[in-house]
Amino acid sequence: MRYFDFGKKFFSHNSFLRQELHQNPAFAPFNTPQSQKRNASVMYYTASIVVGTLALAYGSVPLYKMVCQQIGWNGQPVLAHRTGDGDTSSRVTPVTDARRLRITFNGSVSDVLPWKFTPQQREVCVLPGETALAFYTATNKGPTDIIGVATYSVTPGQVAPYFSKIQCFCFEEQKLNAGESVDMPVFFFIDPDFVKDPAMKGIDTITLSYTFFKAKYDDNGVLKPIPAA
């Protein structure tokens, strides 16, 4: 990768400078303990930048996934509203005096992915705090085995912080053999705090949309970032 090439060039260049300082008296005024200390500091600082850039590049996909799941950016549902011990049981108590919400489902694939991907149900009706299970079916209609990755979003977008998935297939690599079909479950609930938010008044229908993309990898076998749904 270019980051590795940059690092090699930097350290090779500084090795050359150190050799010149040692062999060429013209460089002697700069070959002092203070200048050596400054040079070492610059090298360490630059090395930290290189390493940090590499870490960011490799971590971009899981970082994007984590941020979207936790705060609901761009219509991305949060992973789940959890209590301090990681238990969701206190959040999945149905609000029986609230209105039922209509959850509809969409499924699509990118142009380069020869899959058929559709929801098994058009809609479900749930109370806030009530869990629901839905299924999608994916079929690889191509002649070869293919790995796909799905993104998802919720509309209206302002509902995303309250749409909590307990389990789903999003952001995970899904391999389908040629001609294979699989059922993919989505287990979710609408957080009970939905009914306390004045901004949610008038919202009765929520749409969950998934889009599958063909997985792409860099030269090191790391999954490249996928487009937002």
Protein backbone atom coordinates (compact mmCIF):
# COMPACT_ATOMS: atom_id res chain seq x y z
CA MET A 1 0.00 0.00 0.00
CA ARG A 2 1.00 3.61 -0.43
CA TYR A 3 1.27 4.04 3.35
CA PHE A 4 3.97 1.38 3.51
CA ASP A 5 5.84 2.98 0.59
CA PHE A 6 5.74 6.36 2.33
CA GLY A 7 7.11 4.87 5.55
CA LYS A 8 9.95 3.12 3.73
CA LYS A 9 10.94 6.28 1.90
CA PHE A 10 10.90 8.33 5.09
CA PHE A 11 13.07 5.97 7.11
CA SER A 12 15.43 5.36 4.16
CA HIS A 13 15.86 9.10 3.74
CA ASN A 14 16.68 9.60 7.41
CA SER A 15 19.15 6.69 7.32
CA PHE A 16 20.93 8.51 4.47
CA LEU A 17 21.05 11.72 6.51
CA ARG A 18 22.49 9.92 9.50
CA GLN A 19 25.23 8.43 7.28
CA GLU A 20 26.08 11.84 5.83
CA LEU A 21 26.26 13.35 9.32
CA HIS A 22 28.71 10.69 10.32
CA GLN A 23 30.93 10.79 7.22
CA ASN A 24 30.79 14.39 6.01
CA PRO A 25 32.33 17.09 8.27
CA ALA A 26 30.21 19.72 6.53
CA PHE A 27 27.28 18.35 8.42
CA ALA A 28 29.13 18.44 11.76
CA PRO A 29 27.44 21.62 13.11
CA PHE A 30 24.14 19.82 12.87
CA ASN A 31 25.43 16.58 14.36
CA THR A 32 24.88 17.60 17.99
CA PRO A 33 22.99 15.82 20.78
CA GLN A 34 20.26 18.43 20.56
CA SER A 35 19.82 18.01 16.80
CA GLN A 36 19.90 14.23 17.11
CA LYS A 37 17.19 14.42 19.76
CA ARG A 38 15.07 16.65 17.52
CA ASN A 39 15.57 14.28 14.57
CA ALA A 40 14.54 11.30 16.68
CA SER A 41 11.43 13.15 17.85
CA VAL A 42 10.48 13.97 14.26
CA MET A 43 10.97 10.34 13.26
CA TYR A 44 8.82 9.05 16.10
CA TYR A 45 6.13 11.63 15.38
CA THR A 46 6.02 10.77 11.69
CA ALA A 47 6.01 7.05 12.44
CA SER A 48 3.01 7.60 14.72
CA ILE A 49 1.16 9.38 11.92
CA VAL A 50 1.89 6.52 9.49
CA VAL A 51 0.73 3.88 11.97
CA GLY A 52 -2.37 5.90 12.87
CA THR A 53 -3.29 6.35 9.20
CA LEU A 54 -2.94 2.63 8.61
CA ALA A 55 -5.11 1.83 11.60
CA LEU A 56 -7.78 4.23 10.38
CA ALA A 57 -7.73 2.71 6.89
CA TYR A 58 -8.11 -0.84 8.16
CA GLY A 59 -10.69 0.13 10.76
CA SER A 60 -12.93 2.28 8.56
CA VAL A 61 -15.58 -0.39 7.96
CA PRO A 62 -16.02 -1.55 11.58
CA LEU A 63 -15.78 2.07 12.77
CA TYR A 64 -18.52 3.16 10.37
CA LYS A 65 -20.59 0.17 11.49
CA MET A 66 -20.12 0.94 15.17
CA VAL A 67 -20.94 4.65 14.88
CA CYS A 68 -24.03 4.06 12.76
CA GLN A 69 -25.33 1.39 15.10
CA GLN A 70 -24.83 3.45 18.22
CA ILE A 71 -26.16 6.87 17.24
CA GLY A 72 -28.36 6.28 14.21
CA TRP A 73 -26.65 8.49 11.64
CA ASN A 74 -28.30 8.86 8.24
CA GLY A 75 -31.24 6.62 9.08
CA GLN A 76 -29.06 3.83 10.48
CA PRO A 77 -30.79 1.96 13.32
CA VAL A 78 -28.93 1.65 16.60
CA LEU A 79 -27.71 -1.77 17.71
CA ALA A 80 -29.96 -1.80 20.77
CA HIS A 81 -30.72 0.37 23.76
CA ARG A 82 -28.99 -1.49 26.56
CA THR A 83 -28.76 -1.02 30.29
CA GLY A 84 -25.41 -0.90 32.05
CA ASP A 85 -25.11 -4.68 32.30
CA GLY A 86 -25.84 -5.18 28.58
CA ASP A 87 -29.37 -6.53 29.21
CA THR A 88 -32.15 -5.34 26.90
CA SER A 89 -34.97 -6.93 28.89
CA SER A 90 -35.94 -3.62 30.53
CA ARG A 91 -36.36 -2.05 27.07
CA VAL A 92 -38.59 -4.72 25.54
CA THR A 93 -41.69 -4.22 27.65
CA PRO A 94 -44.61 -3.35 25.33
CA VAL A 95 -46.27 0.00 25.93
CA THR A 96 -49.82 -1.34 25.87
CA ASP A 97 -51.57 2.02 25.84
CA ALA A 98 -49.56 3.29 22.84
CA ARG A 99 -50.66 3.15 19.23
CA ARG A 100 -49.37 0.29 17.08
CA LEU A 101 -46.73 1.15 14.51
CA ARG A 102 -46.73 -0.20 10.97
CA ILE A 103 -43.29 -1.50 9.96
CA THR A 104 -42.81 -2.04 6.22
CA PHE A 105 -39.84 -3.69 4.50
CA ASN A 106 -37.83 -3.03 1.34
CA GLY A 107 -35.04 -5.02 -0.27
CA SER A 108 -32.75 -4.22 -3.19
CA VAL A 109 -29.37 -5.15 -4.67
CA SER A 110 -26.67 -3.20 -6.51
CA ASP A 111 -26.48 -3.41 -10.28
CA VAL A 112 -23.36 -5.60 -10.27
CA LEU A 113 -24.71 -8.21 -7.85
CA PRO A 114 -26.70 -10.99 -9.58
CA TRP A 115 -28.87 -11.69 -6.53
CA LYS A 116 -32.57 -11.61 -5.88
CA PHE A 117 -33.27 -10.14 -2.46
CA THR A 118 -36.81 -9.64 -1.15
CA PRO A 119 -38.64 -9.41 2.20
CA GLN A 120 -40.88 -12.36 3.04
CA GLN A 121 -43.53 -10.08 4.55
CA ARG A 122 -44.79 -6.71 3.44
CA GLU A 123 -45.35 -5.35 6.93
CA VAL A 124 -45.80 -6.08 10.62
CA CYS A 125 -47.58 -4.06 13.30
CA VAL A 126 -45.91 -3.68 16.70
CA LEU A 127 -46.23 -1.71 19.90
CA PRO A 128 -43.24 0.31 21.12
CA GLY A 129 -41.21 -2.02 23.31
CA GLU A 130 -42.57 -5.14 21.56
CA THR A 131 -40.11 -7.43 19.75
CA ALA A 132 -40.73 -8.52 16.18
CA LEU A 133 -39.12 -11.05 13.85
CA ALA A 134 -39.00 -10.56 10.08
CA PHE A 135 -37.30 -12.47 7.27
CA TYR A 136 -35.66 -11.67 3.96
CA THR A 137 -34.76 -14.20 1.26
CA ALA A 138 -31.60 -13.89 -0.82
CA THR A 139 -30.91 -15.98 -3.93
CA ASN A 140 -27.66 -16.05 -5.89
CA LYS A 141 -28.79 -16.21 -9.52
CA GLY A 142 -25.25 -16.01 -10.88
CA PRO A 143 -23.04 -18.88 -12.12
CA THR A 144 -20.40 -18.44 -9.39
CA ASP A 145 -20.22 -18.21 -5.60
CA ILE A 146 -20.44 -14.59 -4.44
CA ILE A 147 -19.96 -12.77 -1.14
CA GLY A 148 -22.33 -9.88 -0.46
CA VAL A 149 -22.63 -7.27 2.28
CA ALA A 150 -25.83 -5.44 3.22
CA THR A 151 -26.42 -1.94 4.50
CA TYR A 152 -29.70 -0.77 5.97
CA SER A 153 -31.61 2.37 6.84
CA VAL A 154 -34.85 3.52 8.43
CA THR A 155 -37.31 6.10 7.19
CA PRO A 156 -38.34 8.58 8.44
CA GLY A 157 -34.75 9.22 9.45
CA GLN A 158 -35.64 10.78 12.80
CA VAL A 159 -36.99 7.40 13.96
CA ALA A 160 -33.56 5.73 13.62
CA PRO A 161 -32.44 6.31 17.25
CA TYR A 162 -35.52 4.38 18.42
CA PHE A 163 -35.27 1.49 15.94
CA SER A 164 -33.21 -1.10 17.81
CA LYS A 165 -32.06 -4.31 16.21
CA ILE A 166 -31.26 -7.23 18.46
CA GLN A 167 -29.94 -9.38 15.63
CA CYS A 168 -29.64 -8.99 11.86
CA PHE A 169 -27.40 -9.83 8.91
CA CYS A 170 -26.32 -6.27 8.08
CA PHE A 171 -22.65 -5.37 7.63
CA GLU A 172 -21.68 -9.06 7.77
CA GLU A 173 -20.19 -10.92 4.82
CA GLN A 174 -22.78 -13.31 3.39
CA LYS A 175 -21.54 -15.97 0.98
CA LEU A 176 -24.05 -17.59 -1.34
CA ASN A 177 -23.09 -20.45 -3.62
CA ALA A 178 -24.27 -20.36 -7.22
CA GLY A 179 -28.03 -20.94 -7.24
CA GLU A 180 -28.28 -21.00 -3.44
CA SER A 181 -31.14 -19.37 -1.50
CA VAL A 182 -31.08 -18.47 2.20
CA ASP A 183 -33.52 -16.92 4.67
CA MET A 184 -32.11 -14.01 6.68
CA PRO A 185 -33.81 -12.99 9.96
CA VAL A 186 -34.14 -9.53 11.48
CA PHE A 187 -35.05 -9.35 15.18
CA PHE A 188 -35.89 -5.83 16.36
CA PHE A 189 -38.03 -3.56 18.52
CA ILE A 190 -39.01 0.10 18.70
CA ASP A 191 -37.66 1.58 21.91
CA PRO A 192 -40.40 2.55 24.40
CA ASP A 193 -39.00 6.10 24.61
CA PHE A 194 -40.46 6.58 21.13
CA VAL A 195 -43.81 7.44 22.74
CA LYS A 196 -42.25 10.12 24.96
CA ASP A 197 -40.70 12.08 22.09
CA PRO A 198 -42.97 14.88 20.81
CA ALA A 199 -41.15 14.73 17.47
CA MET A 200 -42.51 11.21 16.91
CA LYS A 201 -46.16 12.29 17.07
CA GLY A 202 -47.89 11.66 13.77
CA ILE A 203 -45.44 8.93 12.71
CA ASP A 204 -47.35 5.69 12.28
CA THR A 205 -45.39 3.99 9.48
CA ILE A 206 -41.69 3.09 9.57
CA THR A 207 -39.81 1.52 6.67
CA LEU A 208 -36.78 -0.72 7.08
CA SER A 209 -34.70 -0.94 3.90
CA TYR A 210 -31.77 -3.21 3.09
CA THR A 211 -29.46 -3.04 0.08
CA PHE A 212 -26.95 -5.77 -0.79
CA PHE A 213 -23.62 -4.95 -2.44
CA LYS A 214 -20.95 -7.23 -3.82
CA ALA A 215 -18.13 -7.44 -1.29
CA LYS A 216 -14.87 -5.84 -2.46
CA TYR A 217 -11.47 -6.26 -0.88
CA ASP A 218 -8.18 -4.37 -1.02
CA ASP A 219 -4.80 -5.94 -1.79
CA ASN A 220 -4.49 -7.07 1.83
CA GLY A 221 -7.81 -8.90 1.84
CA VAL A 222 -9.54 -6.25 3.96
CA LEU A 223 -13.18 -5.50 3.15
CA LYS A 224 -13.52 -2.08 1.56
CA PRO A 225 -16.05 0.43 2.95
CA ILE A 226 -19.52 -0.11 1.54
CA PRO A 227 -21.84 2.67 0.36
CA ALA A 228 -24.57 3.91 2.67
CA ALA A 229 -27.99 2.53 1.88
